[in-house]
Amino acid sequence: MARRRERVPLTLPAECGTIQDMRFLISRTDALGDLVVSLPLMERILSRQPDAEVHWLVQAYTAPLLDGMPGVAGVHRRPADAQLPALIAALAPDAVLNPGHRDKQVITAARQAGVPIRVARSRGRQIWQATHVLWKGRYRSGRHEAQNILDFLYPWGWDGGWPAPPRLEPAPEELARGEADLAHVPRPRLGIATRSSGSSAFPSPAWWDRALAVLRAGGWNPVVLSPPEASDLPATDLRGLLGRIRACDAFLGPSTGPTQLAAALGVPQLALMGKSPNRGPSRWAPLGARVQVLQYPGPEADLAGAMDRLDPAELLAHLARLR
């Protein structure tokens, strides 16, 4: 087993095909934003070996994001632990990559299924079940999470460098549906995500009440798209959310899945982020040419109220540059 970060030459087991036609299974069974930031992993594989076959193991609620995406050979929803080895055995991948490292059962199941190449981070039983272990730390490294994801390709020598920004393109009917959903909102439309579903900071409802008034006075027509319970729009699915985001002229929100989606959709975006190396822009800023980041003042430890120290009036100058 390769236990150190130094690159080791990859010798394919006899049961693998050639490196050109390898079948990869990427396991990303956590949150929506984590899946988006992992898309460069597939892009890097296919840029090196266009004939490789890339499958994804994801949660049911994030699976629609990959529908119709070029390069995706298969999307597999995470079953119960007892069924996981059978699913992997039926797929028979040459390699399993587990960026969703908290789901430790994936590497165990891959070993039980006889997968010859298993790449994991040094967490728990994965150390003993994987064939290649990443010891390089992510926290306080100053590296973007998409760079950390590319580390999973070190056995092939395909890691390193800057990742290609994730790209999403809804179908024409999804774009039309998004425009129809927002037809009552005049332009310029500003899509809003009011809070994060993860550990990142986000403003309070009272702050958003002030901010929405400032935005309207500044010439924007804000529309809350996420979370669903905070939106005045009828409920939609994940593909519907993509269409709604694309129907906006800009997007504003804290570090969360929809914020990552907006960047991947090419929508000009202002991301509200904190200062912690583990949750700030150096690691989690959305990747894209039309992204700006505004960091709030105040200590990161005060997650419940730190972002409320940001003056909503500061939003307008940043959004003006996006327009």
Protein backbone atom coordinates (compact mmCIF):
# COMPACT_ATOMS: atom_id res chain seq x y z
CA MET A 1 0.00 0.00 0.00
CA ALA A 2 1.08 3.57 -0.69
CA ARG A 3 1.00 5.26 2.72
CA ARG A 4 2.91 8.43 1.97
CA ARG A 5 2.16 11.50 -0.10
CA GLU A 6 5.08 10.91 -2.47
CA ARG A 7 3.90 9.84 -5.90
CA VAL A 8 4.32 6.18 -6.64
CA PRO A 9 4.18 4.69 -10.13
CA LEU A 10 0.83 3.11 -10.82
CA THR A 11 1.00 -0.56 -11.67
CA LEU A 12 -2.43 -1.71 -12.75
CA PRO A 13 -3.58 -5.01 -11.27
CA ALA A 14 -4.05 -7.74 -13.83
CA GLU A 15 -7.84 -7.59 -13.50
CA CYS A 16 -7.91 -3.92 -14.59
CA GLY A 17 -8.25 -2.85 -18.18
CA THR A 18 -5.78 -0.48 -19.76
CA ILE A 19 -5.51 2.95 -18.19
CA GLN A 20 -7.30 4.38 -21.23
CA ASP A 21 -10.52 2.45 -20.63
CA MET A 22 -10.57 2.37 -16.84
CA ARG A 23 -13.88 2.59 -15.02
CA PHE A 24 -13.87 5.05 -12.11
CA LEU A 25 -16.44 5.35 -9.33
CA ILE A 26 -16.31 8.70 -7.51
CA SER A 27 -18.13 8.66 -4.17
CA ARG A 28 -19.49 12.06 -3.09
CA THR A 29 -22.27 11.16 -0.69
CA ASP A 30 -22.43 14.38 1.30
CA ALA A 31 -23.87 17.82 0.48
CA LEU A 32 -24.77 19.55 -2.78
CA GLY A 33 -21.93 22.08 -2.63
CA ASP A 34 -19.43 19.27 -2.03
CA LEU A 35 -20.63 17.55 -5.20
CA VAL A 36 -20.32 20.73 -7.26
CA VAL A 37 -16.78 21.42 -6.05
CA SER A 38 -15.84 17.81 -6.93
CA LEU A 39 -16.86 18.06 -10.60
CA PRO A 40 -13.31 19.10 -11.63
CA LEU A 41 -12.23 15.59 -10.62
CA MET A 42 -14.18 14.11 -13.52
CA GLU A 43 -13.01 16.84 -15.86
CA ARG A 44 -9.37 16.10 -15.00
CA ILE A 45 -9.81 12.36 -15.54
CA LEU A 46 -11.43 12.82 -18.93
CA SER A 47 -8.93 15.48 -19.99
CA ARG A 48 -6.16 12.94 -19.45
CA GLN A 49 -8.02 9.86 -20.70
CA PRO A 50 -11.11 10.66 -22.79
CA ASP A 51 -12.04 6.97 -23.04
CA ALA A 52 -12.22 6.50 -19.28
CA GLU A 53 -15.65 5.70 -17.83
CA VAL A 54 -16.70 7.86 -14.87
CA HIS A 55 -19.52 6.88 -12.52
CA TRP A 56 -20.75 8.74 -9.43
CA LEU A 57 -22.10 7.48 -6.12
CA VAL A 58 -24.21 10.24 -4.56
CA GLN A 59 -27.16 10.95 -2.31
CA ALA A 60 -30.62 10.74 -3.86
CA TYR A 61 -31.29 14.46 -3.48
CA THR A 62 -28.08 15.51 -5.28
CA ALA A 63 -28.28 12.90 -8.06
CA PRO A 64 -30.41 15.05 -10.44
CA LEU A 65 -27.55 17.53 -10.68
CA LEU A 66 -25.66 15.01 -12.85
CA ASP A 67 -28.58 14.29 -15.20
CA GLY A 68 -27.45 14.65 -18.81
CA MET A 69 -24.00 15.96 -17.86
CA PRO A 70 -21.39 15.22 -20.55
CA GLY A 71 -18.84 12.67 -19.37
CA VAL A 72 -21.07 11.01 -16.76
CA ALA A 73 -21.33 7.30 -17.54
CA GLY A 74 -23.65 6.50 -14.61
CA VAL A 75 -25.21 7.97 -11.48
CA HIS A 76 -25.79 5.62 -8.55
CA ARG A 77 -27.75 6.55 -5.45
CA ARG A 78 -26.21 5.63 -2.13
CA PRO A 79 -28.00 2.52 -0.80
CA ALA A 80 -28.00 1.22 2.76
CA ASP A 81 -24.64 -0.07 3.99
CA ALA A 82 -25.72 -3.71 3.60
CA GLN A 83 -26.44 -3.21 -0.12
CA LEU A 84 -23.36 -1.12 -0.89
CA PRO A 85 -20.90 -3.98 -1.64
CA ALA A 86 -23.36 -5.56 -4.06
CA LEU A 87 -23.86 -2.28 -5.92
CA ILE A 88 -20.12 -1.77 -6.28
CA ALA A 89 -19.55 -5.39 -7.29
CA ALA A 90 -22.22 -5.14 -9.99
CA LEU A 91 -20.61 -1.98 -11.36
CA ALA A 92 -17.13 -3.57 -11.20
CA PRO A 93 -15.06 -0.37 -11.26
CA ASP A 94 -11.30 -0.46 -11.65
CA ALA A 95 -10.95 2.32 -9.08
CA VAL A 96 -13.04 3.87 -6.31
CA LEU A 97 -12.23 7.42 -5.21
CA ASN A 98 -13.82 8.54 -1.96
CA PRO A 99 -13.68 12.36 -1.63
CA GLY A 100 -16.73 12.10 0.66
CA HIS A 101 -14.38 10.85 3.34
CA ARG A 102 -16.92 10.84 6.19
CA ASP A 103 -18.70 7.98 4.42
CA LYS A 104 -16.06 5.49 5.51
CA GLN A 105 -18.14 2.45 4.56
CA VAL A 106 -17.55 3.14 0.86
CA ILE A 107 -13.91 2.01 0.92
CA THR A 108 -14.76 -1.01 3.07
CA ALA A 109 -17.49 -2.01 0.61
CA ALA A 110 -15.11 -1.48 -2.31
CA ARG A 111 -12.62 -3.83 -0.74
CA GLN A 112 -15.34 -6.41 -0.14
CA ALA A 113 -16.35 -6.04 -3.80
CA GLY A 114 -12.78 -6.69 -4.93
CA VAL A 115 -12.08 -3.25 -6.42
CA PRO A 116 -8.34 -3.26 -7.17
CA ILE A 117 -7.63 0.50 -6.66
CA ARG A 118 -9.18 2.30 -3.67
CA VAL A 119 -8.14 5.88 -2.84
CA ALA A 120 -9.15 7.48 0.45
CA ARG A 121 -8.15 10.02 3.07
CA SER A 122 -6.49 8.92 6.28
CA ARG A 123 -9.64 8.66 8.36
CA GLY A 124 -10.70 5.65 10.43
CA ARG A 125 -10.77 2.17 8.90
CA GLN A 126 -10.12 3.61 5.44
CA ILE A 127 -6.42 3.63 6.31
CA TRP A 128 -6.44 -0.18 6.32
CA GLN A 129 -9.03 -0.77 3.60
CA ALA A 130 -7.63 1.54 0.90
CA THR A 131 -4.80 0.80 -1.50
CA HIS A 132 -3.75 4.46 -1.64
CA VAL A 133 -4.14 6.83 1.31
CA LEU A 134 -3.89 10.64 1.19
CA TRP A 135 -2.06 11.88 4.24
CA LYS A 136 -1.81 15.48 3.13
CA GLY A 137 -3.96 17.69 5.37
CA ARG A 138 -6.64 20.03 4.04
CA TYR A 139 -7.26 22.24 7.05
CA ARG A 140 -5.40 25.56 7.20
CA SER A 141 -3.46 24.58 4.10
CA GLY A 142 -4.49 27.64 2.09
CA ARG A 143 -5.58 25.37 -0.75
CA HIS A 144 -8.99 25.42 -2.36
CA GLU A 145 -11.18 22.38 -1.76
CA ALA A 146 -11.20 21.66 -5.49
CA GLN A 147 -7.41 21.37 -5.32
CA ASN A 148 -7.74 18.98 -2.40
CA ILE A 149 -10.15 16.89 -4.46
CA LEU A 150 -7.64 16.56 -7.30
CA ASP A 151 -5.25 14.92 -4.81
CA PHE A 152 -7.28 11.74 -5.29
CA LEU A 153 -5.66 11.38 -8.72
CA TYR A 154 -2.11 11.22 -7.39
CA PRO A 155 -1.74 7.46 -8.08
CA TRP A 156 -1.99 8.27 -11.80
CA GLY A 157 0.13 11.43 -11.63
CA TRP A 158 -2.89 13.54 -12.66
CA ASP A 159 -3.07 15.64 -9.49
CA GLY A 160 -1.65 19.13 -9.02
CA GLY A 161 -2.31 22.40 -10.77
CA TRP A 162 -5.47 24.47 -10.70
CA PRO A 163 -8.83 22.76 -11.29
CA ALA A 164 -11.08 23.70 -14.17
CA PRO A 165 -14.14 25.55 -12.78
CA PRO A 166 -17.28 23.38 -12.58
CA ARG A 167 -19.72 23.94 -15.44
CA LEU A 168 -23.44 23.27 -15.50
CA GLU A 169 -25.80 23.73 -18.43
CA PRO A 170 -29.55 23.17 -17.92
CA ALA A 171 -31.61 21.80 -20.78
CA PRO A 172 -33.55 24.33 -22.91
CA GLU A 173 -36.85 23.28 -21.36
CA GLU A 174 -35.38 23.82 -17.87
CA LEU A 175 -34.24 27.30 -18.84
CA ALA A 176 -37.69 28.08 -20.21
CA ARG A 177 -39.27 26.77 -17.02
CA GLY A 178 -37.01 28.99 -14.90
CA GLU A 179 -37.91 32.06 -16.95
CA ALA A 180 -41.59 31.27 -16.60
CA ASP A 181 -41.27 30.83 -12.83
CA LEU A 182 -39.67 34.29 -12.50
CA ALA A 183 -41.66 36.08 -15.19
CA HIS A 184 -43.39 38.18 -12.52
CA VAL A 185 -40.05 39.50 -11.21
CA PRO A 186 -38.80 42.51 -13.21
CA ARG A 187 -35.16 42.78 -14.25
CA PRO A 188 -32.56 43.13 -12.98
CA ARG A 189 -33.33 40.02 -10.95
CA LEU A 190 -31.13 39.14 -7.99
CA GLY A 191 -31.39 35.52 -6.84
CA ILE A 192 -30.93 35.10 -3.10
CA ALA A 193 -29.86 32.25 -0.82
CA THR A 194 -30.43 33.38 2.75
CA ARG A 195 -28.52 30.75 4.69
CA SER A 196 -26.06 27.91 4.55
CA SER A 197 -26.98 24.29 5.12
CA GLY A 198 -23.48 23.48 6.36
CA SER A 199 -21.16 24.90 9.00
CA SER A 200 -20.56 28.27 7.33
CA ALA A 201 -21.86 31.53 8.72
CA PHE A 202 -24.91 33.25 7.29
CA PRO A 203 -26.85 36.42 8.14
CA SER A 204 -29.90 36.42 10.39
CA PRO A 205 -33.45 36.93 9.06
CA ALA A 206 -33.42 40.44 10.56
CA TRP A 207 -30.28 41.27 8.58
CA TRP A 208 -31.88 40.00 5.39
CA ASP A 209 -34.94 42.18 6.00
CA ARG A 210 -32.64 45.22 6.05
CA ALA A 211 -30.59 44.00 3.12
CA LEU A 212 -33.59 43.34 0.87
CA ALA A 213 -34.82 46.89 1.45
CA VAL A 214 -31.37 48.27 0.57
CA LEU A 215 -31.20 46.13 -2.56
CA ARG A 216 -34.61 47.27 -3.77
CA ALA A 217 -33.69 50.89 -3.16
CA GLY A 218 -30.50 50.27 -5.15
CA GLY A 219 -32.42 49.17 -8.22
CA TRP A 220 -32.40 45.41 -7.79
CA ASN A 221 -35.39 43.09 -7.69
CA PRO A 222 -34.38 40.37 -5.21
CA VAL A 223 -36.08 36.98 -5.21
CA VAL A 224 -35.34 34.38 -2.53
CA LEU A 225 -34.66 31.01 -4.16
CA SER A 226 -33.16 29.06 -1.25
CA PRO A 227 -33.95 27.54 1.16
CA PRO A 228 -37.37 26.52 -0.20
CA GLU A 229 -39.20 27.38 3.02
CA ALA A 230 -37.91 30.97 2.85
CA SER A 231 -39.03 31.48 -0.76
CA ASP A 232 -42.38 32.83 -1.91
CA LEU A 233 -42.16 30.74 -5.06
CA PRO A 234 -43.89 27.37 -5.45
CA ALA A 235 -41.71 24.40 -4.54
CA THR A 236 -39.49 23.01 -7.27
CA ASP A 237 -36.92 20.25 -7.72
CA LEU A 238 -33.16 20.58 -8.10
CA ARG A 239 -33.35 20.90 -11.88
CA GLY A 240 -36.00 23.56 -11.44
CA LEU A 241 -33.69 25.46 -9.10
CA LEU A 242 -31.00 25.45 -11.80
CA GLY A 243 -33.41 27.05 -14.23
CA ARG A 244 -34.47 29.68 -11.70
CA ILE A 245 -30.87 30.62 -10.90
CA ARG A 246 -30.08 30.99 -14.60
CA ALA A 247 -33.10 33.25 -14.99
CA CYS A 248 -31.45 35.76 -12.63
CA ASP A 249 -29.06 38.54 -13.60
CA ALA A 250 -26.94 38.00 -10.49
CA PHE A 251 -26.90 35.87 -7.36
CA LEU A 252 -26.18 36.67 -3.71
CA GLY A 253 -25.73 34.29 -0.81
CA PRO A 254 -23.44 32.78 1.83
CA SER A 255 -21.27 29.74 1.29
CA THR A 256 -23.80 27.05 0.41
CA GLY A 257 -24.85 24.67 -2.36
CA PRO A 258 -26.93 27.15 -4.41
CA THR A 259 -24.03 29.63 -4.30
CA GLN A 260 -21.77 26.99 -5.84
CA LEU A 261 -24.49 26.22 -8.39
CA ALA A 262 -24.74 29.86 -9.47
CA ALA A 263 -21.02 30.04 -10.19
CA ALA A 264 -21.11 26.79 -12.16
CA LEU A 265 -24.06 28.15 -14.17
CA GLY A 266 -22.08 31.27 -15.08
CA VAL A 267 -24.40 33.66 -13.23
CA PRO A 268 -22.58 36.74 -11.84
CA GLN A 269 -22.37 36.22 -8.15
CA LEU A 270 -21.52 37.92 -4.88
CA ALA A 271 -20.61 35.35 -2.22
CA LEU A 272 -20.76 36.30 1.46
CA MET A 273 -18.03 34.47 3.35
CA GLY A 274 -16.21 34.43 6.65
CA LYS A 275 -12.59 34.65 7.61
CA SER A 276 -11.81 31.20 8.96
CA PRO A 277 -9.25 29.33 6.82
CA ASN A 278 -11.51 26.28 7.02
CA ARG A 279 -14.68 28.07 5.89
CA GLY A 280 -13.38 31.15 4.09
CA PRO A 281 -12.82 31.93 0.41
CA SER A 282 -9.32 30.44 0.16
CA ARG A 283 -10.92 27.03 0.56
CA TRP A 284 -14.58 27.38 -0.43
CA ALA A 285 -15.01 30.39 -2.75
CA PRO A 286 -17.12 29.42 -5.78
CA LEU A 287 -14.96 28.94 -8.85
CA GLY A 288 -15.80 31.05 -11.87
CA ALA A 289 -14.90 34.16 -13.83
CA ARG A 290 -17.92 36.13 -12.62
CA VAL A 291 -17.58 35.64 -8.87
CA GLN A 292 -16.85 38.25 -6.23
CA VAL A 293 -16.42 37.60 -2.51
CA LEU A 294 -17.38 39.92 0.33
CA GLN A 295 -16.05 38.91 3.74
CA TYR A 296 -17.89 40.15 6.79
CA PRO A 297 -16.05 41.89 9.62
CA GLY A 298 -15.83 40.28 13.01
CA PRO A 299 -14.61 37.12 14.69
CA GLU A 300 -15.38 33.87 12.90
CA ALA A 301 -16.16 32.16 16.19
CA ASP A 302 -19.37 34.17 16.46
CA LEU A 303 -21.10 32.17 13.73
CA ALA A 304 -24.60 33.05 14.93
CA GLY A 305 -24.20 36.79 14.55
CA ALA A 306 -20.86 37.70 13.01
CA MET A 307 -22.16 38.21 9.49
CA ASP A 308 -24.78 40.66 10.79
CA ARG A 309 -21.90 43.10 11.34
CA LEU A 310 -21.75 43.55 7.57
CA ASP A 311 -23.40 46.80 6.44
CA PRO A 312 -25.98 45.85 3.75
CA ALA A 313 -25.09 49.06 1.90
CA GLU A 314 -21.72 47.48 1.04
CA LEU A 315 -23.52 45.00 -1.21
CA LEU A 316 -24.46 47.60 -3.79
CA ALA A 317 -20.95 48.55 -4.96
CA HIS A 318 -20.00 44.90 -5.44
CA LEU A 319 -23.22 44.10 -7.29
CA ALA A 320 -22.74 47.16 -9.51
CA ARG A 321 -19.41 45.71 -10.68
CA LEU A 322 -21.12 42.42 -11.48
CA ARG A 323 -23.65 44.21 -13.68
